[in-house]
Amino acid sequence: MISLCSRLYSLDGLLTIRRPTANSSFDNLERRVTRQPTLDGSAFFYDGGFSEADRTIFFELDKEESTLEVKEILMDLLKYSSGVTLSVEDGVFLGVMRGIDLRAGRFSVRVLVKEKLSA
């Protein structure tokens, strides 16, 4: 189950998804690493460590939940909410909606995580 809501009060700013599809991705973790080639043929690595802010959470709704009402809520959240609170199995996160895809009868949402609110 996923809960997505606006950080500020909005009458229609809450969405609960009961069954995200198998294409959804909640646990993609990456470190802040850059690689720079050196003149001697080796490479220099900068490792900034791990931060929850490096996560991108992606979820897709099944066809039964991809209704006109859900489409309107997603579009309002994307257009008018500077931040969203996202609750998934891994925890509760503060983030920004990067984009939504409303094609093919299945809606997909991408949220860039700013911070993890739960322990």
PDB file of N, CA and C in Angstrom:
ATOM      1  N   MET A   1       0.845  -1.175   0.000  1.00  0.00           N
ATOM      2  CA  MET A   1       0.000   0.000   0.000  1.00  0.00           C
ATOM      3  C   MET A   1       0.888   1.236   0.000  1.00  0.00           C
ATOM      4  N   ILE A   2       0.457   2.253  -0.737  1.00  0.00           N
ATOM      5  CA  ILE A   2       1.190   3.511  -0.848  1.00  0.00           C
ATOM      6  C   ILE A   2       0.238   4.645  -0.514  1.00  0.00           C
ATOM      7  N   SER A   3       0.741   5.611   0.238  1.00  0.00           N
ATOM      8  CA  SER A   3      -0.014   6.824   0.511  1.00  0.00           C
ATOM      9  C   SER A   3       0.806   8.004   0.018  1.00  0.00           C
ATOM     10  N   LEU A   4       0.172   8.877  -0.735  1.00  0.00           N
ATOM     11  CA  LEU A   4       0.825  10.059  -1.285  1.00  0.00           C
ATOM     12  C   LEU A   4      -0.057  11.254  -0.969  1.00  0.00           C
ATOM     13  N   CYS A   5       0.521  12.280  -0.322  1.00  0.00           N
ATOM     14  CA  CYS A   5      -0.294  13.448   0.018  1.00  0.00           C
ATOM     15  C   CYS A   5       0.525  14.721  -0.087  1.00  0.00           C
ATOM     16  N   SER A   6      -0.186  15.818  -0.247  1.00  0.00           N
ATOM     17  CA  SER A   6       0.428  17.134  -0.319  1.00  0.00           C
ATOM     18  C   SER A   6       0.976  17.518   1.050  1.00  0.00           C
ATOM     19  N   ARG A   7       2.091  18.254   1.064  1.00  0.00           N
ATOM     20  CA  ARG A   7       2.655  18.717   2.332  1.00  0.00           C
ATOM     21  C   ARG A   7       1.780  19.805   2.953  1.00  0.00           C
ATOM     22  N   LEU A   8       1.144  20.605   2.122  1.00  0.00           N
ATOM     23  CA  LEU A   8       0.229  21.635   2.594  1.00  0.00           C
ATOM     24  C   LEU A   8      -1.194  21.140   2.435  1.00  0.00           C
ATOM     25  N   TYR A   9      -2.098  21.729   3.185  1.00  0.00           N
ATOM     26  CA  TYR A   9      -3.488  21.283   3.139  1.00  0.00           C
ATOM     27  C   TYR A   9      -4.061  21.410   1.726  1.00  0.00           C
ATOM     28  N   SER A  10      -4.698  20.376   1.294  1.00  0.00           N
ATOM     29  CA  SER A  10      -5.407  20.376   0.024  1.00  0.00           C
ATOM     30  C   SER A  10      -6.603  19.448   0.184  1.00  0.00           C
ATOM     31  N   LEU A  11      -7.760  19.925  -0.185  1.00  0.00           N
ATOM     32  CA  LEU A  11      -8.968  19.138  -0.030  1.00  0.00           C
ATOM     33  C   LEU A  11      -8.880  17.814  -0.783  1.00  0.00           C
ATOM     34  N   ASP A  12      -8.262  17.843  -1.955  1.00  0.00           N
ATOM     35  CA  ASP A  12      -8.118  16.624  -2.766  1.00  0.00           C
ATOM     36  C   ASP A  12      -6.663  16.181  -2.864  1.00  0.00           C
ATOM     37  N   GLY A  13      -5.856  16.465  -1.863  1.00  0.00           N
ATOM     38  CA  GLY A  13      -4.427  16.197  -1.942  1.00  0.00           C
ATOM     39  C   GLY A  13      -3.977  14.902  -1.308  1.00  0.00           C
ATOM     40  N   LEU A  14      -4.842  13.881  -1.248  1.00  0.00           N
ATOM     41  CA  LEU A  14      -4.473  12.598  -0.659  1.00  0.00           C
ATOM     42  C   LEU A  14      -4.822  11.485  -1.632  1.00  0.00           C
ATOM     43  N   LEU A  15      -3.887  10.570  -1.793  1.00  0.00           N
ATOM     44  CA  LEU A  15      -4.094   9.434  -2.680  1.00  0.00           C
ATOM     45  C   LEU A  15      -3.567   8.179  -2.003  1.00  0.00           C
ATOM     46  N   THR A  16      -4.377   7.140  -1.976  1.00  0.00           N
ATOM     47  CA  THR A  16      -3.966   5.852  -1.434  1.00  0.00           C
ATOM     48  C   THR A  16      -4.033   4.815  -2.543  1.00  0.00           C
ATOM     49  N   ILE A  17      -2.912   4.129  -2.756  1.00  0.00           N
ATOM     50  CA  ILE A  17      -2.837   3.094  -3.786  1.00  0.00           C
ATOM     51  C   ILE A  17      -2.729   1.757  -3.085  1.00  0.00           C
ATOM     52  N   ARG A  18      -3.671   0.887  -3.321  1.00  0.00           N
ATOM     53  CA  ARG A  18      -3.712  -0.387  -2.621  1.00  0.00           C
ATOM     54  C   ARG A  18      -2.818  -1.449  -3.256  1.00  0.00           C
ATOM     55  N   ARG A  19      -2.734  -1.453  -4.583  1.00  0.00           N
ATOM     56  CA  ARG A  19      -1.972  -2.505  -5.260  1.00  0.00           C
ATOM     57  C   ARG A  19      -1.066  -1.922  -6.340  1.00  0.00           C
ATOM     58  N   PRO A  20       0.134  -1.453  -5.991  1.00  0.00           N
ATOM     59  CA  PRO A  20       1.051  -1.018  -7.050  1.00  0.00           C
ATOM     60  C   PRO A  20       1.484  -2.225  -7.884  1.00  0.00           C
ATOM     61  N   THR A  21       1.804  -2.008  -9.139  1.00  0.00           N
ATOM     62  CA  THR A  21       2.187  -3.119 -10.015  1.00  0.00           C
ATOM     63  C   THR A  21       3.598  -3.600  -9.697  1.00  0.00           C
ATOM     64  N   ALA A  22       3.960  -4.718 -10.304  1.00  0.00           N
ATOM     65  CA  ALA A  22       5.294  -5.297 -10.098  1.00  0.00           C
ATOM     66  C   ALA A  22       6.394  -4.420 -10.688  1.00  0.00           C
ATOM     67  N   ASN A  23       6.050  -3.499 -11.583  1.00  0.00           N
ATOM     68  CA  ASN A  23       7.048  -2.590 -12.164  1.00  0.00           C
ATOM     69  C   ASN A  23       7.507  -1.524 -11.175  1.00  0.00           C
ATOM     70  N   SER A  24       6.841  -1.392 -10.056  1.00  0.00           N
ATOM     71  CA  SER A  24       7.177  -0.370  -9.064  1.00  0.00           C
ATOM     72  C   SER A  24       8.529  -0.662  -8.438  1.00  0.00           C
ATOM     73  N   SER A  25       9.240   0.421  -8.070  1.00  0.00           N
ATOM     74  CA  SER A  25      10.589   0.288  -7.508  1.00  0.00           C
ATOM     75  C   SER A  25      10.713   1.180  -6.279  1.00  0.00           C
ATOM     76  N   PHE A  26      10.848   0.539  -5.121  1.00  0.00           N
ATOM     77  CA  PHE A  26      10.940   1.290  -3.865  1.00  0.00           C
ATOM     78  C   PHE A  26      12.316   1.189  -3.210  1.00  0.00           C
ATOM     79  N   ASP A  27      13.125   0.257  -3.638  1.00  0.00           N
ATOM     80  CA  ASP A  27      14.373  -0.014  -2.917  1.00  0.00           C
ATOM     81  C   ASP A  27      15.615   0.131  -3.774  1.00  0.00           C
ATOM     82  N   ASN A  28      15.626   1.082  -4.711  1.00  0.00           N
ATOM     83  CA  ASN A  28      16.837   1.328  -5.480  1.00  0.00           C
ATOM     84  C   ASN A  28      17.732   2.289  -4.698  1.00  0.00           C
ATOM     85  N   LEU A  29      18.836   1.789  -4.208  1.00  0.00           N
ATOM     86  CA  LEU A  29      19.749   2.574  -3.383  1.00  0.00           C
ATOM     87  C   LEU A  29      21.057   2.780  -4.138  1.00  0.00           C
ATOM     88  N   GLU A  30      21.588   4.004  -4.083  1.00  0.00           N
ATOM     89  CA  GLU A  30      22.862   4.326  -4.712  1.00  0.00           C
ATOM     90  C   GLU A  30      23.662   5.213  -3.783  1.00  0.00           C
ATOM     91  N   ARG A  31      24.986   5.139  -3.937  1.00  0.00           N
ATOM     92  CA  ARG A  31      25.877   6.026  -3.191  1.00  0.00           C
ATOM     93  C   ARG A  31      26.199   7.244  -4.046  1.00  0.00           C
ATOM     94  N   ARG A  32      26.652   8.302  -3.420  1.00  0.00           N
ATOM     95  CA  ARG A  32      27.095   9.496  -4.139  1.00  0.00           C
ATOM     96  C   ARG A  32      28.547   9.288  -4.559  1.00  0.00           C
ATOM     97  N   VAL A  33      28.713   8.698  -5.722  1.00  0.00           N
ATOM     98  CA  VAL A  33      30.046   8.361  -6.210  1.00  0.00           C
ATOM     99  C   VAL A  33      30.239   8.973  -7.589  1.00  0.00           C
ATOM    100  N   THR A  34      31.407   9.570  -7.797  1.00  0.00           N
ATOM    101  CA  THR A  34      31.795  10.030  -9.127  1.00  0.00           C
ATOM    102  C   THR A  34      33.145   9.413  -9.473  1.00  0.00           C
ATOM    103  N   ARG A  35      33.359   9.189 -10.773  1.00  0.00           N
ATOM    104  CA  ARG A  35      34.626   8.606 -11.233  1.00  0.00           C
ATOM    105  C   ARG A  35      35.223   9.550 -12.260  1.00  0.00           C
ATOM    106  N   GLN A  36      36.496   9.888 -12.055  1.00  0.00           N
ATOM    107  CA  GLN A  36      37.207  10.776 -12.959  1.00  0.00           C
ATOM    108  C   GLN A  36      38.454  10.055 -13.468  1.00  0.00           C
ATOM    109  N   PRO A  37      38.597   9.877 -14.781  1.00  0.00           N
ATOM    110  CA  PRO A  37      39.803   9.225 -15.297  1.00  0.00           C
ATOM    111  C   PRO A  37      41.032  10.097 -15.052  1.00  0.00           C
ATOM    112  N   THR A  38      42.160   9.447 -14.798  1.00  0.00           N
ATOM    113  CA  THR A  38      43.410  10.161 -14.586  1.00  0.00           C
ATOM    114  C   THR A  38      44.334   9.946 -15.791  1.00  0.00           C
ATOM    115  N   LEU A  39      45.382  10.761 -15.889  1.00  0.00           N
ATOM    116  CA  LEU A  39      46.289  10.694 -17.034  1.00  0.00           C
ATOM    117  C   LEU A  39      47.098   9.400 -17.085  1.00  0.00           C
ATOM    118  N   ASP A  40      47.265   8.739 -15.957  1.00  0.00           N
ATOM    119  CA  ASP A  40      48.058   7.498 -15.945  1.00  0.00           C
ATOM    120  C   ASP A  40      47.217   6.265 -16.283  1.00  0.00           C
ATOM    121  N   GLY A  41      45.975   6.469 -16.726  1.00  0.00           N
ATOM    122  CA  GLY A  41      45.126   5.347 -17.119  1.00  0.00           C
ATOM    123  C   GLY A  41      44.297   4.771 -15.981  1.00  0.00           C
ATOM    124  N   SER A  42      44.447   5.293 -14.811  1.00  0.00           N
ATOM    125  CA  SER A  42      43.682   4.829 -13.653  1.00  0.00           C
ATOM    126  C   SER A  42      42.426   5.706 -13.533  1.00  0.00           C
ATOM    127  N   ALA A  43      41.864   5.758 -12.353  1.00  0.00           N
ATOM    128  CA  ALA A  43      40.690   6.591 -12.110  1.00  0.00           C
ATOM    129  C   ALA A  43      40.707   7.081 -10.675  1.00  0.00           C
ATOM    130  N   PHE A  44      40.162   8.271 -10.485  1.00  0.00           N
ATOM    131  CA  PHE A  44      39.975   8.827  -9.152  1.00  0.00           C
ATOM    132  C   PHE A  44      38.497   8.720  -8.825  1.00  0.00           C
ATOM    133  N   PHE A  45      38.193   8.218  -7.639  1.00  0.00           N
ATOM    134  CA  PHE A  45      36.809   8.090  -7.189  1.00  0.00           C
ATOM    135  C   PHE A  45      36.571   9.041  -6.036  1.00  0.00           C
ATOM    136  N   TYR A  46      35.460   9.781  -6.128  1.00  0.00           N
ATOM    137  CA  TYR A  46      34.994  10.561  -4.999  1.00  0.00           C
ATOM    138  C   TYR A  46      33.765   9.845  -4.460  1.00  0.00           C
ATOM    139  N   ASP A  47      33.820   9.456  -3.202  1.00  0.00           N
ATOM    140  CA  ASP A  47      32.708   8.740  -2.576  1.00  0.00           C
ATOM    141  C   ASP A  47      32.122   9.625  -1.490  1.00  0.00           C
ATOM    142  N   GLY A  48      30.932  10.179  -1.783  1.00  0.00           N
ATOM    143  CA  GLY A  48      30.260  11.050  -0.822  1.00  0.00           C
ATOM    144  C   GLY A  48      29.347  10.296   0.126  1.00  0.00           C
ATOM    145  N   GLY A  49      29.352   8.947   0.018  1.00  0.00           N
ATOM    146  CA  GLY A  49      28.550   8.146   0.932  1.00  0.00           C
ATOM    147  C   GLY A  49      27.113   7.982   0.466  1.00  0.00           C
ATOM    148  N   PHE A  50      26.264   7.522   1.373  1.00  0.00           N
ATOM    149  CA  PHE A  50      24.860   7.266   1.064  1.00  0.00           C
ATOM    150  C   PHE A  50      23.984   8.301   1.743  1.00  0.00           C
ATOM    151  N   SER A  51      22.961   8.712   1.042  1.00  0.00           N
ATOM    152  CA  SER A  51      21.963   9.611   1.609  1.00  0.00           C
ATOM    153  C   SER A  51      20.598   9.182   1.090  1.00  0.00           C
ATOM    154  N   GLU A  52      19.590   9.285   1.936  1.00  0.00           N
ATOM    155  CA  GLU A  52      18.233   8.975   1.495  1.00  0.00           C
ATOM    156  C   GLU A  52      17.816   9.895   0.351  1.00  0.00           C
ATOM    157  N   ALA A  53      18.415  11.075   0.282  1.00  0.00           N
ATOM    158  CA  ALA A  53      18.080  12.033  -0.770  1.00  0.00           C
ATOM    159  C   ALA A  53      18.535  11.572  -2.150  1.00  0.00           C
ATOM    160  N   ASP A  54      19.262  10.479  -2.235  1.00  0.00           N
ATOM    161  CA  ASP A  54      19.684   9.941  -3.528  1.00  0.00           C
ATOM    162  C   ASP A  54      18.660   8.977  -4.113  1.00  0.00           C
ATOM    163  N   ARG A  55      17.618   8.710  -3.387  1.00  0.00           N
ATOM    164  CA  ARG A  55      16.611   7.749  -3.842  1.00  0.00           C
ATOM    165  C   ARG A  55      15.600   8.381  -4.791  1.00  0.00           C
ATOM    166  N   THR A  56      15.139   7.573  -5.729  1.00  0.00           N
ATOM    167  CA  THR A  56      14.008   7.909  -6.584  1.00  0.00           C
ATOM    168  C   THR A  56      13.010   6.768  -6.438  1.00  0.00           C
ATOM    169  N   ILE A  57      11.814   7.081  -6.024  1.00  0.00           N
ATOM    170  CA  ILE A  57      10.788   6.051  -5.851  1.00  0.00           C
ATOM    171  C   ILE A  57       9.836   6.127  -7.040  1.00  0.00           C
ATOM    172  N   PHE A  58       9.636   4.986  -7.665  1.00  0.00           N
ATOM    173  CA  PHE A  58       8.788   4.881  -8.844  1.00  0.00           C
ATOM    174  C   PHE A  58       7.692   3.871  -8.550  1.00  0.00           C
ATOM    175  N   PHE A  59       6.452   4.240  -8.849  1.00  0.00           N
ATOM    176  CA  PHE A  59       5.388   3.255  -8.713  1.00  0.00           C
ATOM    177  C   PHE A  59       4.375   3.417  -9.834  1.00  0.00           C
ATOM    178  N   GLU A  60       3.751   2.306 -10.138  1.00  0.00           N
ATOM    179  CA  GLU A  60       2.773   2.251 -11.216  1.00  0.00           C
ATOM    180  C   GLU A  60       1.477   1.690 -10.655  1.00  0.00           C
ATOM    181  N   LEU A  61       0.355   2.292 -11.068  1.00  0.00           N
ATOM    182  CA  LEU A  61      -0.957   1.840 -10.615  1.00  0.00           C
ATOM    183  C   LEU A  61      -1.503   0.823 -11.603  1.00  0.00           C
ATOM    184  N   ASP A  62      -2.230  -0.158 -11.087  1.00  0.00           N
ATOM    185  CA  ASP A  62      -2.854  -1.107 -12.005  1.00  0.00           C
ATOM    186  C   ASP A  62      -4.055  -0.442 -12.678  1.00  0.00           C
ATOM    187  N   LYS A  63      -4.595  -1.097 -13.675  1.00  0.00           N
ATOM    188  CA  LYS A  63      -5.661  -0.484 -14.480  1.00  0.00           C
ATOM    189  C   LYS A  63      -6.910  -0.162 -13.673  1.00  0.00           C
ATOM    190  N   GLU A  64      -7.236  -0.980 -12.664  1.00  0.00           N
ATOM    191  CA  GLU A  64      -8.433  -0.737 -11.860  1.00  0.00           C
ATOM    192  C   GLU A  64      -8.317   0.559 -11.053  1.00  0.00           C
ATOM    193  N   GLU A  65      -7.096   0.908 -10.644  1.00  0.00           N
ATOM    194  CA  GLU A  65      -6.913   2.119  -9.841  1.00  0.00           C
ATOM    195  C   GLU A  65      -6.598   3.348 -10.696  1.00  0.00           C
ATOM    196  N   SER A  66      -6.395   3.175 -11.974  1.00  0.00           N
ATOM    197  CA  SER A  66      -6.089   4.284 -12.876  1.00  0.00           C
ATOM    198  C   SER A  66      -7.382   4.909 -13.394  1.00  0.00           C
ATOM    199  N   THR A  67      -8.058   5.608 -12.501  1.00  0.00           N
ATOM    200  CA  THR A  67      -9.360   6.209 -12.824  1.00  0.00           C
ATOM    201  C   THR A  67      -9.204   7.698 -13.118  1.00  0.00           C
ATOM    202  N   LEU A  68     -10.252   8.313 -13.601  1.00  0.00           N
ATOM    203  CA  LEU A  68     -10.249   9.749 -13.871  1.00  0.00           C
ATOM    204  C   LEU A  68     -10.033  10.549 -12.588  1.00  0.00           C
ATOM    205  N   GLU A  69     -10.638  10.112 -11.495  1.00  0.00           N
ATOM    206  CA  GLU A  69     -10.458  10.791 -10.209  1.00  0.00           C
ATOM    207  C   GLU A  69      -9.003  10.753  -9.760  1.00  0.00           C
ATOM    208  N   VAL A  70      -8.360   9.592  -9.887  1.00  0.00           N
ATOM    209  CA  VAL A  70      -6.944   9.456  -9.515  1.00  0.00           C
ATOM    210  C   VAL A  70      -6.078  10.319 -10.430  1.00  0.00           C
ATOM    211  N   LYS A  71      -6.406  10.356 -11.707  1.00  0.00           N
ATOM    212  CA  LYS A  71      -5.663  11.188 -12.664  1.00  0.00           C
ATOM    213  C   LYS A  71      -5.706  12.653 -12.240  1.00  0.00           C
ATOM    214  N   GLU A  72      -6.870  13.144 -11.854  1.00  0.00           N
ATOM    215  CA  GLU A  72      -7.011  14.532 -11.434  1.00  0.00           C
ATOM    216  C   GLU A  72      -6.218  14.826 -10.165  1.00  0.00           C
ATOM    217  N   ILE A  73      -6.235  13.888  -9.218  1.00  0.00           N
ATOM    218  CA  ILE A  73      -5.461  14.075  -7.974  1.00  0.00           C
ATOM    219  C   ILE A  73      -3.973  14.121  -8.293  1.00  0.00           C
ATOM    220  N   LEU A  74      -3.483  13.194  -9.119  1.00  0.00           N
ATOM    221  CA  LEU A  74      -2.062  13.178  -9.479  1.00  0.00           C
ATOM    222  C   LEU A  74      -1.651  14.460 -10.195  1.00  0.00           C
ATOM    223  N   MET A  75      -2.484  14.909 -11.118  1.00  0.00           N
ATOM    224  CA  MET A  75      -2.158  16.140 -11.846  1.00  0.00           C
ATOM    225  C   MET A  75      -2.135  17.346 -10.918  1.00  0.00           C
ATOM    226  N   ASP A  76      -3.067  17.426  -9.975  1.00  0.00           N
ATOM    227  CA  ASP A  76      -3.073  18.530  -9.009  1.00  0.00           C
ATOM    228  C   ASP A  76      -1.843  18.481  -8.108  1.00  0.00           C
ATOM    229  N   LEU A  77      -1.477  17.291  -7.634  1.00  0.00           N
ATOM    230  CA  LEU A  77      -0.287  17.169  -6.794  1.00  0.00           C
ATOM    231  C   LEU A  77       0.968  17.597  -7.550  1.00  0.00           C
ATOM    232  N   LEU A  78       1.084  17.202  -8.799  1.00  0.00           N
ATOM    233  CA  LEU A  78       2.255  17.564  -9.598  1.00  0.00           C
ATOM    234  C   LEU A  78       2.297  19.065  -9.876  1.00  0.00           C
ATOM    235  N   LYS A  79       1.174  19.645 -10.230  1.00  0.00           N
ATOM    236  CA  LYS A  79       1.141  21.052 -10.622  1.00  0.00           C
ATOM    237  C   LYS A  79       1.252  22.017  -9.449  1.00  0.00           C
ATOM    238  N   TYR A  80       0.596  21.682  -8.318  1.00  0.00           N
ATOM    239  CA  TYR A  80       0.417  22.684  -7.269  1.00  0.00           C
ATOM    240  C   TYR A  80       1.101  22.375  -5.943  1.00  0.00           C
ATOM    241  N   SER A  81       1.697  21.206  -5.781  1.00  0.00           N
ATOM    242  CA  SER A  81       2.344  20.866  -4.506  1.00  0.00           C
ATOM    243  C   SER A  81       3.857  20.936  -4.648  1.00  0.00           C
ATOM    244  N   SER A  82       4.464  21.796  -3.859  1.00  0.00           N
ATOM    245  CA  SER A  82       5.921  21.898  -3.906  1.00  0.00           C
ATOM    246  C   SER A  82       6.585  20.718  -3.206  1.00  0.00           C
ATOM    247  N   GLY A  83       5.846  20.015  -2.403  1.00  0.00           N
ATOM    248  CA  GLY A  83       6.380  18.839  -1.728  1.00  0.00           C
ATOM    249  C   GLY A  83       5.273  17.859  -1.418  1.00  0.00           C
ATOM    250  N   VAL A  84       5.632  16.587  -1.367  1.00  0.00           N
ATOM    251  CA  VAL A  84       4.668  15.538  -1.036  1.00  0.00           C
ATOM    252  C   VAL A  84       5.251  14.652   0.057  1.00  0.00           C
ATOM    253  N   THR A  85       4.359  14.043   0.800  1.00  0.00           N
ATOM    254  CA  THR A  85       4.744  13.025   1.767  1.00  0.00           C
ATOM    255  C   THR A  85       4.337  11.687   1.176  1.00  0.00           C
ATOM    256  N   LEU A  86       5.277  10.773   1.149  1.00  0.00           N
ATOM    257  CA  LEU A  86       5.063   9.463   0.541  1.00  0.00           C
ATOM    258  C   LEU A  86       5.309   8.391   1.587  1.00  0.00           C
ATOM    259  N   SER A  87       4.320   7.530   1.773  1.00  0.00           N
ATOM    260  CA  SER A  87       4.446   6.427   2.719  1.00  0.00           C
ATOM    261  C   SER A  87       4.444   5.111   1.939  1.00  0.00           C
ATOM    262  N   VAL A  88       5.539   4.362   2.077  1.00  0.00           N
ATOM    263  CA  VAL A  88       5.673   3.057   1.432  1.00  0.00           C
ATOM    264  C   VAL A  88       6.186   2.074   2.487  1.00  0.00           C
ATOM    265  N   GLU A  89       6.391   0.844   2.079  1.00  0.00           N
ATOM    266  CA  GLU A  89       6.834  -0.192   3.016  1.00  0.00           C
ATOM    267  C   GLU A  89       8.169   0.151   3.680  1.00  0.00           C
ATOM    268  N   ASP A  90       9.071   0.842   2.970  1.00  0.00           N
ATOM    269  CA  ASP A  90      10.388   1.197   3.506  1.00  0.00           C
ATOM    270  C   ASP A  90      10.352   2.349   4.494  1.00  0.00           C
ATOM    271  N   GLY A  91       9.255   3.083   4.553  1.00  0.00           N
ATOM    272  CA  GLY A  91       9.173   4.192   5.484  1.00  0.00           C
ATOM    273  C   GLY A  91       8.354   5.338   4.930  1.00  0.00           C
ATOM    274  N   VAL A  92       8.468   6.478   5.616  1.00  0.00           N
ATOM    275  CA  VAL A  92       7.764   7.693   5.219  1.00  0.00           C
ATOM    276  C   VAL A  92       8.806   8.690   4.740  1.00  0.00           C
ATOM    277  N   PHE A  93       8.560   9.291   3.563  1.00  0.00           N
ATOM    278  CA  PHE A  93       9.544  10.156   2.931  1.00  0.00           C
ATOM    279  C   PHE A  93       8.926  11.486   2.555  1.00  0.00           C
ATOM    280  N   LEU A  94       9.757  12.521   2.598  1.00  0.00           N
ATOM    281  CA  LEU A  94       9.403  13.822   2.063  1.00  0.00           C
ATOM    282  C   LEU A  94      10.080  13.924   0.707  1.00  0.00           C
ATOM    283  N   GLY A  95       9.343  14.362  -0.301  1.00  0.00           N
ATOM    284  CA  GLY A  95       9.936  14.436  -1.622  1.00  0.00           C
ATOM    285  C   GLY A  95       9.196  15.382  -2.538  1.00  0.00           C
ATOM    286  N   VAL A  96       9.587  15.337  -3.795  1.00  0.00           N
ATOM    287  CA  VAL A  96       8.989  16.150  -4.841  1.00  0.00           C
ATOM    288  C   VAL A  96       8.613  15.222  -5.984  1.00  0.00           C
ATOM    289  N   MET A  97       7.415  15.407  -6.513  1.00  0.00           N
ATOM    290  CA  MET A  97       7.011  14.602  -7.661  1.00  0.00           C
ATOM    291  C   MET A  97       7.783  15.073  -8.886  1.00  0.00           C
ATOM    292  N   ARG A  98       8.558  14.169  -9.479  1.00  0.00           N
ATOM    293  CA  ARG A  98       9.335  14.501 -10.681  1.00  0.00           C
ATOM    294  C   ARG A  98       8.444  14.486 -11.918  1.00  0.00           C
ATOM    295  N   GLY A  99       7.554  13.504 -11.970  1.00  0.00           N
ATOM    296  CA  GLY A  99       6.680  13.416 -13.125  1.00  0.00           C
ATOM    297  C   GLY A  99       5.670  12.299 -12.999  1.00  0.00           C
ATOM    298  N   ILE A 100       4.665  12.365 -13.853  1.00  0.00           N
ATOM    299  CA  ILE A 100       3.659  11.310 -13.933  1.00  0.00           C
ATOM    300  C   ILE A 100       3.487  10.951 -15.402  1.00  0.00           C
ATOM    301  N   ASP A 101       3.181   9.707 -15.647  1.00  0.00           N
ATOM    302  CA  ASP A 101       2.920   9.226 -17.001  1.00  0.00           C
ATOM    303  C   ASP A 101       1.507   8.667 -17.009  1.00  0.00           C
ATOM    304  N   LEU A 102       0.652   9.259 -17.815  1.00  0.00           N
ATOM    305  CA  LEU A 102      -0.758   8.902 -17.817  1.00  0.00           C
ATOM    306  C   LEU A 102      -1.147   8.097 -19.059  1.00  0.00           C
ATOM    307  N   ARG A 103      -0.163   7.575 -19.770  1.00  0.00           N
ATOM    308  CA  ARG A 103      -0.450   6.836 -21.002  1.00  0.00           C
ATOM    309  C   ARG A 103      -0.762   5.377 -20.714  1.00  0.00           C
ATOM    310  N   ALA A 104      -1.317   4.736 -21.713  1.00  0.00           N
ATOM    311  CA  ALA A 104      -1.535   3.282 -21.746  1.00  0.00           C
ATOM    312  C   ALA A 104      -2.482   2.773 -20.671  1.00  0.00           C
ATOM    313  N   GLY A 105      -3.321   3.638 -20.120  1.00  0.00           N
ATOM    314  CA  GLY A 105      -4.306   3.184 -19.153  1.00  0.00           C
ATOM    315  C   GLY A 105      -3.754   2.832 -17.790  1.00  0.00           C
ATOM    316  N   ARG A 106      -2.442   2.957 -17.611  1.00  0.00           N
ATOM    317  CA  ARG A 106      -1.804   2.733 -16.307  1.00  0.00           C
ATOM    318  C   ARG A 106      -1.005   3.964 -15.955  1.00  0.00           C
ATOM    319  N   PHE A 107      -1.229   4.499 -14.779  1.00  0.00           N
ATOM    320  CA  PHE A 107      -0.540   5.701 -14.369  1.00  0.00           C
ATOM    321  C   PHE A 107       0.731   5.327 -13.628  1.00  0.00           C
ATOM    322  N   SER A 108       1.819   6.044 -13.904  1.00  0.00           N
ATOM    323  CA  SER A 108       3.065   5.832 -13.170  1.00  0.00           C
ATOM    324  C   SER A 108       3.540   7.167 -12.610  1.00  0.00           C
ATOM    325  N   VAL A 109       4.191   7.101 -11.453  1.00  0.00           N
ATOM    326  CA  VAL A 109       4.611   8.290 -10.715  1.00  0.00           C
ATOM    327  C   VAL A 109       6.068   8.123 -10.307  1.00  0.00           C
ATOM    328  N   ARG A 110       6.841   9.205 -10.439  1.00  0.00           N
ATOM    329  CA  ARG A 110       8.236   9.213 -10.016  1.00  0.00           C
ATOM    330  C   ARG A 110       8.404  10.318  -8.971  1.00  0.00           C
ATOM    331  N   VAL A 111       8.918   9.941  -7.785  1.00  0.00           N
ATOM    332  CA  VAL A 111       9.110  10.894  -6.685  1.00  0.00           C
ATOM    333  C   VAL A 111      10.578  10.925  -6.321  1.00  0.00           C
ATOM    334  N   LEU A 112      11.164  12.129  -6.310  1.00  0.00           N
ATOM    335  CA  LEU A 112      12.542  12.320  -5.866  1.00  0.00           C
ATOM    336  C   LEU A 112      12.511  12.565  -4.357  1.00  0.00           C
ATOM    337  N   VAL A 113      13.235  11.760  -3.620  1.00  0.00           N
ATOM    338  CA  VAL A 113      13.215  11.832  -2.147  1.00  0.00           C
ATOM    339  C   VAL A 113      14.133  12.944  -1.665  1.00  0.00           C
ATOM    340  N   LYS A 114      13.630  13.741  -0.735  1.00  0.00           N
ATOM    341  CA  LYS A 114      14.432  14.773  -0.078  1.00  0.00           C
ATOM    342  C   LYS A 114      14.995  14.249   1.237  1.00  0.00           C
ATOM    343  N   GLU A 115      14.121  13.605   2.026  1.00  0.00           N
ATOM    344  CA  GLU A 115      14.575  13.041   3.298  1.00  0.00           C
ATOM    345  C   GLU A 115      13.621  11.966   3.770  1.00  0.00           C
ATOM    346  N   LYS A 116      14.118  11.126   4.647  1.00  0.00           N
ATOM    347  CA  LYS A 116      13.291  10.086   5.256  1.00  0.00           C
ATOM    348  C   LYS A 116      12.782  10.622   6.583  1.00  0.00           C
ATOM    349  N   LEU A 117      11.466  10.565   6.774  1.00  0.00           N
ATOM    350  CA  LEU A 117      10.860  11.110   7.985  1.00  0.00           C
ATOM    351  C   LEU A 117      10.715  10.081   9.091  1.00  0.00           C
ATOM    352  N   SER A 118      10.687   8.793   8.745  1.00  0.00           N
ATOM    353  CA  SER A 118      10.536   7.746   9.752  1.00  0.00           C
ATOM    354  C   SER A 118      11.883   7.086  10.019  1.00  0.00           C
ATOM    355  N   ALA A 119      11.985   6.433  11.159  1.00  0.00           N
ATOM    356  CA  ALA A 119      13.235   5.778  11.524  1.00  0.00           C
ATOM    357  C   ALA A 119      13.428   4.460  10.803  1.00  0.00           C
TER     358      ALA A 119
END
